[in-house]
C-alpha atoms as a PDB file:
ATOM      1  CA  UNK A   1     -14.706  83.272  49.475  1.00  0.00           C
ATOM      2  CA  UNK A   2     -15.085  83.235  45.810  1.00  0.00           C
ATOM      3  CA  UNK A   3     -11.487  85.457  45.174  1.00  0.00           C
ATOM      4  CA  UNK A   4      -8.125  84.895  45.573  1.00  0.00           C
ATOM      5  CA  UNK A   5      -6.780  88.781  46.003  1.00  0.00           C
ATOM      6  CA  UNK A   6      -7.876  92.019  46.886  1.00  0.00           C
ATOM      7  CA  UNK A   7      -6.922  95.317  46.391  1.00  0.00           C
ATOM      8  CA  UNK A   8      -6.099  97.626  49.908  1.00  0.00           C
ATOM      9  CA  UNK A   9      -4.543 100.638  50.700  1.00  0.00           C
ATOM     10  CA  UNK A  10      -1.096  99.402  52.898  1.00  0.00           C
ATOM     11  CA  UNK A  11       1.768 101.682  53.380  1.00  0.00           C
ATOM     12  CA  UNK A  12       2.342 105.439  55.433  1.00  0.00           C
ATOM     13  CA  UNK A  13       5.380 107.946  54.885  1.00  0.00           C
ATOM     14  CA  UNK A  14       6.879 111.138  55.780  1.00  0.00           C
ATOM     15  CA  UNK A  15       8.768 113.349  53.198  1.00  0.00           C
ATOM     16  CA  UNK A  16      10.365 116.186  54.995  1.00  0.00           C
ATOM     17  CA  UNK A  17      12.158 118.823  53.089  1.00  0.00           C
ATOM     18  CA  UNK A  18      13.425 122.504  51.870  1.00  0.00           C
ATOM     19  CA  UNK A  19      13.111 124.711  48.921  1.00  0.00           C
ATOM     20  CA  UNK A  20      15.159 127.228  48.918  1.00  0.00           C
ATOM     21  CA  UNK A  21      15.035 130.084  46.013  1.00  0.00           C
ATOM     22  CA  UNK A  22      17.198 133.435  45.104  1.00  0.00           C
ATOM     23  CA  UNK A  23      16.264 136.363  42.405  1.00  0.00           C
ATOM     24  CA  UNK A  24      19.193 138.643  41.708  1.00  0.00           C
ATOM     25  CA  UNK A  25      19.725 141.713  39.357  1.00  0.00           C
ATOM     26  CA  UNK A  26      23.547 142.080  39.764  1.00  0.00           C
ATOM     27  CA  UNK A  27      23.219 144.649  37.361  1.00  0.00           C
ATOM     28  CA  UNK A  28      20.714 147.119  36.101  1.00  0.00           C
ATOM     29  CA  UNK A  29      21.651 150.447  33.990  1.00  0.00           C
ATOM     30  CA  UNK A  30      19.594 153.790  32.996  1.00  0.00           C
ATOM     31  CA  UNK A  31      19.673 152.535  29.704  1.00  0.00           C
ATOM     32  CA  UNK A  32      17.994 149.613  29.714  1.00  0.00           C
ATOM     33  CA  UNK A  33      20.384 146.825  30.307  1.00  0.00           C
ATOM     34  CA  UNK A  34      19.898 144.884  32.875  1.00  0.00           C
ATOM     35  CA  UNK A  35      20.954 140.848  33.774  1.00  0.00           C
ATOM     36  CA  UNK A  36      18.918 138.698  36.194  1.00  0.00           C
ATOM     37  CA  UNK A  37      19.991 135.540  38.206  1.00  0.00           C
ATOM     38  CA  UNK A  38      17.581 133.148  39.731  1.00  0.00           C
ATOM     39  CA  UNK A  39      18.578 130.125  41.978  1.00  0.00           C
ATOM     40  CA  UNK A  40      16.819 126.755  43.171  1.00  0.00           C
ATOM     41  CA  UNK A  41      17.528 124.217  45.630  1.00  0.00           C
ATOM     42  CA  UNK A  42      16.062 121.893  47.061  1.00  0.00           C
ATOM     43  CA  UNK A  43      16.033 118.802  48.902  1.00  0.00           C
ATOM     44  CA  UNK A  44      13.789 116.154  50.281  1.00  0.00           C
ATOM     45  CA  UNK A  45      13.857 113.373  53.214  1.00  0.00           C
ATOM     46  CA  UNK A  46      11.705 110.272  52.157  1.00  0.00           C
ATOM     47  CA  UNK A  47      10.376 107.576  55.458  1.00  0.00           C
ATOM     48  CA  UNK A  48       8.811 104.490  54.857  1.00  0.00           C
ATOM     49  CA  UNK A  49       6.909 104.606  58.404  1.00  0.00           C
ATOM     50  CA  UNK A  50       4.469 101.434  58.231  1.00  0.00           C
ATOM     51  CA  UNK A  51       3.593  98.943  55.637  1.00  0.00           C
ATOM     52  CA  UNK A  52       0.548  96.744  57.218  1.00  0.00           C
ATOM     53  CA  UNK A  53      -0.137  94.263  59.793  1.00  0.00           C
ATOM     54  CA  UNK A  54       1.426  91.245  58.069  1.00  0.00           C
ATOM     55  CA  UNK A  55       4.849  93.205  56.578  1.00  0.00           C
ATOM     56  CA  UNK A  56       7.111  95.480  56.868  1.00  0.00           C
ATOM     57  CA  UNK A  57       8.239  95.716  53.841  1.00  0.00           C
ATOM     58  CA  UNK A  58       6.523  96.019  50.083  1.00  0.00           C
ATOM     59  CA  UNK A  59       8.227  94.698  46.980  1.00  0.00           C
ATOM     60  CA  UNK A  60       7.247  98.248  44.315  1.00  0.00           C
ATOM     61  CA  UNK A  61       9.353  96.260  41.259  1.00  0.00           C
ATOM     62  CA  UNK A  62      11.458  93.029  40.615  1.00  0.00           C
ATOM     63  CA  UNK A  63      13.458  93.035  37.681  1.00  0.00           C
ATOM     64  CA  UNK A  64      13.609  89.550  37.555  1.00  0.00           C
ATOM     65  CA  UNK A  65      17.300  90.121  38.065  1.00  0.00           C
ATOM     66  CA  UNK A  66      17.966  89.799  41.821  1.00  0.00           C
ATOM     67  CA  UNK A  67      17.057  93.355  42.259  1.00  0.00           C
ATOM     68  CA  UNK A  68      14.216  95.073  43.493  1.00  0.00           C
ATOM     69  CA  UNK A  69      12.814  98.091  44.828  1.00  0.00           C
ATOM     70  CA  UNK A  70      11.144  98.081  48.093  1.00  0.00           C
ATOM     71  CA  UNK A  71       9.448 100.327  50.602  1.00  0.00           C
ATOM     72  CA  UNK A  72      10.415  99.161  53.641  1.00  0.00           C
ATOM     73  CA  UNK A  73      10.280 100.560  57.260  1.00  0.00           C
ATOM     74  CA  UNK A  74      12.892 102.921  58.117  1.00  0.00           C
ATOM     75  CA  UNK A  75      14.015 103.383  53.926  1.00  0.00           C
ATOM     76  CA  UNK A  76      13.237 105.993  51.909  1.00  0.00           C
ATOM     77  CA  UNK A  77      10.466 105.007  49.656  1.00  0.00           C
ATOM     78  CA  UNK A  78      12.309 103.265  46.322  1.00  0.00           C
ATOM     79  CA  UNK A  79      14.848 101.982  48.162  1.00  0.00           C
ATOM     80  CA  UNK A  80      16.872  99.195  46.005  1.00  0.00           C
ATOM     81  CA  UNK A  81      17.776  95.330  47.583  1.00  0.00           C
ATOM     82  CA  UNK A  82      20.639  93.045  46.087  1.00  0.00           C
ATOM     83  CA  UNK A  83      23.068  91.077  46.742  1.00  0.00           C
ATOM     84  CA  UNK A  84      26.818  92.679  47.000  1.00  0.00           C
ATOM     85  CA  UNK A  85      29.967  92.242  45.625  1.00  0.00           C
ATOM     86  CA  UNK A  86      32.584  91.672  48.421  1.00  0.00           C
ATOM     87  CA  UNK A  87      35.975  92.619  48.723  1.00  0.00           C
ATOM     88  CA  UNK A  88      38.936  90.951  50.990  1.00  0.00           C
ATOM     89  CA  UNK A  89      39.693  93.337  54.583  1.00  0.00           C
ATOM     90  CA  UNK A  90      41.749  95.263  52.118  1.00  0.00           C
ATOM     91  CA  UNK A  91      39.480  96.370  49.336  1.00  0.00           C
ATOM     92  CA  UNK A  92      40.493  93.604  46.980  1.00  0.00           C
ATOM     93  CA  UNK A  93      37.628  92.381  45.385  1.00  0.00           C
ATOM     94  CA  UNK A  94      36.616  88.342  45.737  1.00  0.00           C
ATOM     95  CA  UNK A  95      36.186  85.865  42.966  1.00  0.00           C
ATOM     96  CA  UNK A  96      35.092  82.350  42.997  1.00  0.00           C
ATOM     97  CA  UNK A  97      37.340  79.708  40.963  1.00  0.00           C
ATOM     98  CA  UNK A  98      36.152  80.283  37.730  1.00  0.00           C
ATOM     99  CA  UNK A  99      38.017  83.747  38.425  1.00  0.00           C
ATOM    100  CA  UNK A 100      33.667  85.058  38.493  1.00  0.00           C
ATOM    101  CA  UNK A 101      33.347  88.069  41.101  1.00  0.00           C
ATOM    102  CA  UNK A 102      31.821  86.830  44.891  1.00  0.00           C
ATOM    103  CA  UNK A 103      28.007  88.157  46.056  1.00  0.00           C
ATOM    104  CA  UNK A 104      26.921  88.427  49.368  1.00  0.00           C
ATOM    105  CA  UNK A 105      23.905  85.428  49.522  1.00  0.00           C
ATOM    106  CA  UNK A 106      21.650  88.221  51.413  1.00  0.00           C
ATOM    107  CA  UNK A 107      19.958  90.694  49.079  1.00  0.00           C
ATOM    108  CA  UNK A 108      20.695  94.012  51.367  1.00  0.00           C
ATOM    109  CA  UNK A 109      19.647  97.681  51.242  1.00  0.00           C
ATOM    110  CA  UNK A 110      21.991  99.603  47.904  1.00  0.00           C
ATOM    111  CA  UNK A 111      20.507 103.405  47.854  1.00  0.00           C
ATOM    112  CA  UNK A 112      17.271 104.212  46.623  1.00  0.00           C
ATOM    113  CA  UNK A 113      15.829 105.950  44.127  1.00  0.00           C
ATOM    114  CA  UNK A 114      15.890 109.586  46.386  1.00  0.00           C
ATOM    115  CA  UNK A 115      18.020 112.497  45.365  1.00  0.00           C
ATOM    116  CA  UNK A 116      20.462 113.836  48.003  1.00  0.00           C
ATOM    117  CA  UNK A 117      19.033 117.045  46.405  1.00  0.00           C
ATOM    118  CA  UNK A 118      17.843 119.266  43.069  1.00  0.00           C
ATOM    119  CA  UNK A 119      19.327 122.956  41.775  1.00  0.00           C
ATOM    120  CA  UNK A 120      18.576 125.149  38.888  1.00  0.00           C
ATOM    121  CA  UNK A 121      19.949 128.371  37.618  1.00  0.00           C
ATOM    122  CA  UNK A 122      19.107 130.992  35.549  1.00  0.00           C
ATOM    123  CA  UNK A 123      19.893 133.443  34.150  1.00  0.00           C
ATOM    124  CA  UNK A 124      18.220 136.261  31.485  1.00  0.00           C
ATOM    125  CA  UNK A 125      20.732 139.366  29.864  1.00  0.00           C
ATOM    126  CA  UNK A 126      17.640 142.378  29.085  1.00  0.00           C
ATOM    127  CA  UNK A 127      17.932 144.885  27.049  1.00  0.00           C
ATOM    128  CA  UNK A 128      15.484 147.007  25.284  1.00  0.00           C
ATOM    129  CA  UNK A 129      13.500 144.991  23.829  1.00  0.00           C
ATOM    130  CA  UNK A 130      15.603 141.665  23.991  1.00  0.00           C
ATOM    131  CA  UNK A 131      16.501 138.855  25.590  1.00  0.00           C
ATOM    132  CA  UNK A 132      18.607 135.899  25.803  1.00  0.00           C
ATOM    133  CA  UNK A 133      18.097 133.287  28.524  1.00  0.00           C
ATOM    134  CA  UNK A 134      19.354 129.747  29.637  1.00  0.00           C
ATOM    135  CA  UNK A 135      18.450 127.138  32.023  1.00  0.00           C
ATOM    136  CA  UNK A 136      20.670 125.178  33.797  1.00  0.00           C
ATOM    137  CA  UNK A 137      19.477 122.396  36.238  1.00  0.00           C
ATOM    138  CA  UNK A 138      20.580 119.333  37.923  1.00  0.00           C
ATOM    139  CA  UNK A 139      20.151 116.263  40.039  1.00  0.00           C
ATOM    140  CA  UNK A 140      22.344 115.234  42.705  1.00  0.00           C
ATOM    141  CA  UNK A 141      22.543 111.580  44.062  1.00  0.00           C
ATOM    142  CA  UNK A 142      19.505 108.567  43.643  1.00  0.00           C
ATOM    143  CA  UNK A 143      20.014 105.376  41.703  1.00  0.00           C
ATOM    144  CA  UNK A 144      18.512 104.232  38.539  1.00  0.00           C
ATOM    145  CA  UNK A 145      18.121 100.615  37.524  1.00  0.00           C
ATOM    146  CA  UNK A 146      19.189 100.239  33.977  1.00  0.00           C
ATOM    147  CA  UNK A 147      18.205  97.615  31.377  1.00  0.00           C
ATOM    148  CA  UNK A 148      19.952  99.032  29.125  1.00  0.00           C
ATOM    149  CA  UNK A 149      22.818  98.816  30.173  1.00  0.00           C
ATOM    150  CA  UNK A 150      22.065  94.995  30.166  1.00  0.00           C
ATOM    151  CA  UNK A 151      21.001  94.684  26.132  1.00  0.00           C
ATOM    152  CA  UNK A 152      23.462  96.572  25.411  1.00  0.00           C
ATOM    153  CA  UNK A 153      26.599  94.212  27.327  1.00  0.00           C
ATOM    154  CA  UNK A 154      24.777  91.624  25.791  1.00  0.00           C
ATOM    155  CA  UNK A 155      24.835  91.973  22.407  1.00  0.00           C
ATOM    156  CA  UNK A 156      28.553  93.939  22.590  1.00  0.00           C
ATOM    157  CA  UNK A 157      27.710  97.285  21.801  1.00  0.00           C
ATOM    158  CA  UNK A 158      28.587  98.663  25.869  1.00  0.00           C
ATOM    159  CA  UNK A 159      32.098 100.497  26.162  1.00  0.00           C
ATOM    160  CA  UNK A 160      32.574  97.855  29.108  1.00  0.00           C
ATOM    161  CA  UNK A 161      32.932  95.035  26.652  1.00  0.00           C
ATOM    162  CA  UNK A 162      36.150  96.606  25.452  1.00  0.00           C
ATOM    163  CA  UNK A 163      37.728  95.654  29.124  1.00  0.00           C
ATOM    164  CA  UNK A 164      40.450  93.278  28.578  1.00  0.00           C
ATOM    165  CA  UNK A 165      40.525  94.096  24.526  1.00  0.00           C
ATOM    166  CA  UNK A 166      38.047  91.102  25.114  1.00  0.00           C
ATOM    167  CA  UNK A 167      40.175  88.231  25.593  1.00  0.00           C
ATOM    168  CA  UNK A 168      40.722  86.307  29.305  1.00  0.00           C
ATOM    169  CA  UNK A 169      42.219  89.031  31.463  1.00  0.00           C
ATOM    170  CA  UNK A 170      42.763  88.491  35.325  1.00  0.00           C
ATOM    171  CA  UNK A 171      40.419  90.452  37.679  1.00  0.00           C
ATOM    172  CA  UNK A 172      42.668  93.645  38.586  1.00  0.00           C
ATOM    173  CA  UNK A 173      43.668  92.626  42.451  1.00  0.00           C
ATOM    174  CA  UNK A 174      41.775  90.000  43.003  1.00  0.00           C
ATOM    175  CA  UNK A 175      41.772  87.215  45.555  1.00  0.00           C
ATOM    176  CA  UNK A 176      40.382  83.421  46.245  1.00  0.00           C
ATOM    177  CA  UNK A 177      38.979  82.842  49.597  1.00  0.00           C
ATOM    178  CA  UNK A 178      40.415  79.702  51.287  1.00  0.00           C
ATOM    179  CA  UNK A 179      38.218  77.266  53.430  1.00  0.00           C
ATOM    180  CA  UNK A 180      40.021  78.746  56.350  1.00  0.00           C
ATOM    181  CA  UNK A 181      39.235  82.630  55.230  1.00  0.00           C
ATOM    182  CA  UNK A 182      42.254  83.606  54.361  1.00  0.00           C
ATOM    183  CA  UNK A 183      42.616  85.061  50.853  1.00  0.00           C
ATOM    184  CA  UNK A 184      45.029  83.822  48.063  1.00  0.00           C
ATOM    185  CA  UNK A 185      45.904  86.152  44.896  1.00  0.00           C
ATOM    186  CA  UNK A 186      43.166  85.329  41.741  1.00  0.00           C
ATOM    187  CA  UNK A 187      45.552  84.004  38.555  1.00  0.00           C
ATOM    188  CA  UNK A 188      42.398  82.214  36.754  1.00  0.00           C
ATOM    189  CA  UNK A 189      41.739  84.411  34.187  1.00  0.00           C
ATOM    190  CA  UNK A 190      38.162  85.508  32.449  1.00  0.00           C
ATOM    191  CA  UNK A 191      36.140  86.720  29.488  1.00  0.00           C
ATOM    192  CA  UNK A 192      34.540  89.491  29.376  1.00  0.00           C
ATOM    193  CA  UNK A 193      31.143  87.959  29.007  1.00  0.00           C
ATOM    194  CA  UNK A 194      31.558  85.691  32.044  1.00  0.00           C
ATOM    195  CA  UNK A 195      32.906  88.705  34.084  1.00  0.00           C
ATOM    196  CA  UNK A 196      29.835  90.827  33.625  1.00  0.00           C
ATOM    197  CA  UNK A 197      27.340  88.261  33.410  1.00  0.00           C
ATOM    198  CA  UNK A 198      27.629  87.084  36.776  1.00  0.00           C
ATOM    199  CA  UNK A 199      24.270  85.916  37.656  1.00  0.00           C
ATOM    200  CA  UNK A 200      24.084  89.387  39.882  1.00  0.00           C
ATOM    201  CA  UNK A 201      22.939  92.713  38.120  1.00  0.00           C
ATOM    202  CA  UNK A 202      23.189  94.850  41.238  1.00  0.00           C
ATOM    203  CA  UNK A 203      26.013  96.690  39.472  1.00  0.00           C
ATOM    204  CA  UNK A 204      23.028  97.880  36.721  1.00  0.00           C
ATOM    205  CA  UNK A 205      22.238 100.197  39.099  1.00  0.00           C
ATOM    206  CA  UNK A 206      23.977 103.312  38.439  1.00  0.00           C
ATOM    207  CA  UNK A 207      23.997 107.363  39.509  1.00  0.00           C
ATOM    208  CA  UNK A 208      21.083 108.896  38.768  1.00  0.00           C
ATOM    209  CA  UNK A 209      22.927 112.522  38.727  1.00  0.00           C
ATOM    210  CA  UNK A 210      22.923 114.718  35.896  1.00  0.00           C
ATOM    211  CA  UNK A 211      23.142 118.289  34.972  1.00  0.00           C
ATOM    212  CA  UNK A 212      21.037 119.725  31.750  1.00  0.00           C
ATOM    213  CA  UNK A 213      21.591 122.752  29.885  1.00  0.00           C
ATOM    214  CA  UNK A 214      17.582 122.432  29.508  1.00  0.00           C
ATOM    215  CA  UNK A 215      17.127 125.712  27.159  1.00  0.00           C
ATOM    216  CA  UNK A 216      18.502 128.738  25.153  1.00  0.00           C
ATOM    217  CA  UNK A 217      16.289 131.094  23.828  1.00  0.00           C
ATOM    218  CA  UNK A 218      16.647 134.519  22.308  1.00  0.00           C
ATOM    219  CA  UNK A 219      13.134 137.067  22.322  1.00  0.00           C
ATOM    220  CA  UNK A 220      11.893 139.986  21.163  1.00  0.00           C
ATOM    221  CA  UNK A 221       9.373 141.994  21.992  1.00  0.00           C
ATOM    222  CA  UNK A 222       8.308 144.813  19.503  1.00  0.00           C
ATOM    223  CA  UNK A 223       7.317 148.206  20.439  1.00  0.00           C
ATOM    224  CA  UNK A 224       4.591 149.215  21.515  1.00  0.00           C
ATOM    225  CA  UNK A 225       4.022 151.959  19.212  1.00  0.00           C
ATOM    226  CA  UNK A 226       4.971 149.620  16.380  1.00  0.00           C
ATOM    227  CA  UNK A 227       2.283 146.620  17.459  1.00  0.00           C
ATOM    228  CA  UNK A 228      -0.384 149.373  18.155  1.00  0.00           C
ATOM    229  CA  UNK A 229      -0.095 150.254  14.550  1.00  0.00           C
ATOM    230  CA  UNK A 230      -0.999 146.751  13.644  1.00  0.00           C
ATOM    231  CA  UNK A 231      -4.075 146.601  16.164  1.00  0.00           C
ATOM    232  CA  UNK A 232      -2.510 144.601  18.589  1.00  0.00           C
ATOM    233  CA  UNK A 233      -1.546 145.031  22.182  1.00  0.00           C
ATOM    234  CA  UNK A 234       1.679 143.521  22.499  1.00  0.00           C
ATOM    235  CA  UNK A 235       4.019 140.984  20.216  1.00  0.00           C
ATOM    236  CA  UNK A 236       7.234 138.581  20.919  1.00  0.00           C
ATOM    237  CA  UNK A 237       9.126 136.816  18.614  1.00  0.00           C
ATOM    238  CA  UNK A 238      11.275 133.515  20.353  1.00  0.00           C
ATOM    239  CA  UNK A 239      13.891 131.219  18.675  1.00  0.00           C
ATOM    240  CA  UNK A 240      14.226 128.585  21.504  1.00  0.00           C
ATOM    241  CA  UNK A 241      17.218 125.723  21.516  1.00  0.00           C
ATOM    242  CA  UNK A 242      16.180 122.947  24.095  1.00  0.00           C
ATOM    243  CA  UNK A 243      18.268 119.740  26.002  1.00  0.00           C
ATOM    244  CA  UNK A 244      21.117 121.344  24.390  1.00  0.00           C
ATOM    245  CA  UNK A 245      23.594 119.232  26.297  1.00  0.00           C
ATOM    246  CA  UNK A 246      24.221 117.109  29.406  1.00  0.00           C
ATOM    247  CA  UNK A 247      26.154 115.790  31.683  1.00  0.00           C
ATOM    248  CA  UNK A 248      25.878 112.159  33.457  1.00  0.00           C
ATOM    249  CA  UNK A 249      28.748 110.219  35.698  1.00  0.00           C
ATOM    250  CA  UNK A 250      31.117 108.447  33.952  1.00  0.00           C
ATOM    251  CA  UNK A 251      29.881 104.598  34.708  1.00  0.00           C
ATOM    252  CA  UNK A 252      25.908 105.600  32.984  1.00  0.00           C
ATOM    253  CA  UNK A 253      26.825 105.944  29.466  1.00  0.00           C
ATOM    254  CA  UNK A 254      23.626 104.119  28.849  1.00  0.00           C
ATOM    255  CA  UNK A 255      20.585 106.158  29.235  1.00  0.00           C
ATOM    256  CA  UNK A 256      18.894 109.457  30.630  1.00  0.00           C
ATOM    257  CA  UNK A 257      18.587 108.969  34.294  1.00  0.00           C
ATOM    258  CA  UNK A 258      15.374 110.730  34.069  1.00  0.00           C
ATOM    259  CA  UNK A 259      13.951 106.836  33.663  1.00  0.00           C
ATOM    260  CA  UNK A 260       9.963 106.510  34.436  1.00  0.00           C
ATOM    261  CA  UNK A 261       8.421 103.141  35.451  1.00  0.00           C
ATOM    262  CA  UNK A 262       7.973 100.548  33.074  1.00  0.00           C
ATOM    263  CA  UNK A 263       4.823 100.408  34.945  1.00  0.00           C
ATOM    264  CA  UNK A 264       2.739 103.514  33.263  1.00  0.00           C
ATOM    265  CA  UNK A 265       0.816 106.473  35.314  1.00  0.00           C
ATOM    266  CA  UNK A 266      -0.812 103.665  37.455  1.00  0.00           C
ATOM    267  CA  UNK A 267       2.519 102.323  38.746  1.00  0.00           C
ATOM    268  CA  UNK A 268       4.730 103.164  41.967  1.00  0.00           C
ATOM    269  CA  UNK A 269       7.945 101.897  40.347  1.00  0.00           C
ATOM    270  CA  UNK A 270      10.188 104.456  38.947  1.00  0.00           C
ATOM    271  CA  UNK A 271      13.874 105.113  37.914  1.00  0.00           C
ATOM    272  CA  UNK A 272      14.268 101.899  35.685  1.00  0.00           C
ATOM    273  CA  UNK A 273      15.254 102.637  32.203  1.00  0.00           C
ATOM    274  CA  UNK A 274      14.750 100.250  29.353  1.00  0.00           C
ATOM    275  CA  UNK A 275      15.874 100.670  26.329  1.00  0.00           C
ATOM    276  CA  UNK A 276      14.769 103.795  26.200  1.00  0.00           C
ATOM    277  CA  UNK A 277      14.959 106.174  22.729  1.00  0.00           C
ATOM    278  CA  UNK A 278      17.389 108.650  23.682  1.00  0.00           C
ATOM    279  CA  UNK A 279      16.715 112.175  24.533  1.00  0.00           C
ATOM    280  CA  UNK A 280      16.903 114.897  21.320  1.00  0.00           C
ATOM    281  CA  UNK A 281      17.509 118.436  20.634  1.00  0.00           C
ATOM    282  CA  UNK A 282      14.602 120.807  20.054  1.00  0.00           C
ATOM    283  CA  UNK A 283      14.708 124.169  18.189  1.00  0.00           C
ATOM    284  CA  UNK A 284      11.729 126.282  17.383  1.00  0.00           C
ATOM    285  CA  UNK A 285      10.465 129.697  16.453  1.00  0.00           C
ATOM    286  CA  UNK A 286       7.171 130.972  18.506  1.00  0.00           C
ATOM    287  CA  UNK A 287       5.743 134.270  17.919  1.00  0.00           C
ATOM    288  CA  UNK A 288       3.306 135.494  20.805  1.00  0.00           C
ATOM    289  CA  UNK A 289       0.616 138.167  19.868  1.00  0.00           C
ATOM    290  CA  UNK A 290      -1.545 139.994  22.135  1.00  0.00           C
ATOM    291  CA  UNK A 291      -4.996 141.172  20.984  1.00  0.00           C
END
């Protein structure tokens, strides 16, 4: 035919969800003091319903480390796939003869990029021309793949490299599987590097939940009788601070979970963090004039 590849449109999926918003004013006084609160909550269920006649699974992203992001029929778009750690019937981690963790030989679905829900709370106190506002929002659930975790554990700067005080240690409650299928307590120590880099990167999939204080702002709108003297219809000065604080799951000491894919705007990849620049706080002042 003269060519080896061709681009075609493949895949079908459905998205079903709900969004609920509520705005209330619990305090409103004749003297001009008002307190407004806004709530927004949304959820979405994603399901891939078809890929193509040739396959029911498409690899969206391959980490090169045994972890892939796929679109698979019957699963949410952006499902993660990889080998998972094995445990005995009592929940104890299974290790091999070198004291390293043992994993399944067949990749399994291990979560997706899709969150359980999104939510935000906004509030504003208004008195005459003053307005003090704040915005708090967050996400619950979903997983992202942290290449930052890999890099910092490799160079020894991650907190996890302190395991065993950087001395050989025995994996707590670990067992070794015998040929007859029984298990015996493990007594073989391992060092942190060999424990963390055991050839499997499924444990680099982290909880993508977060709660962020997006903005706090104080604004003042000048009285109309004042701005009219300046041939203006309105004037407002606003002092604001953004990204003041965020809270993450204890397992995530590596990345901002609002990670974007490494493939750019033309890629379907999302929730992959690769030694990104940490988020920064922003402070500013704005003046809005209406002529």
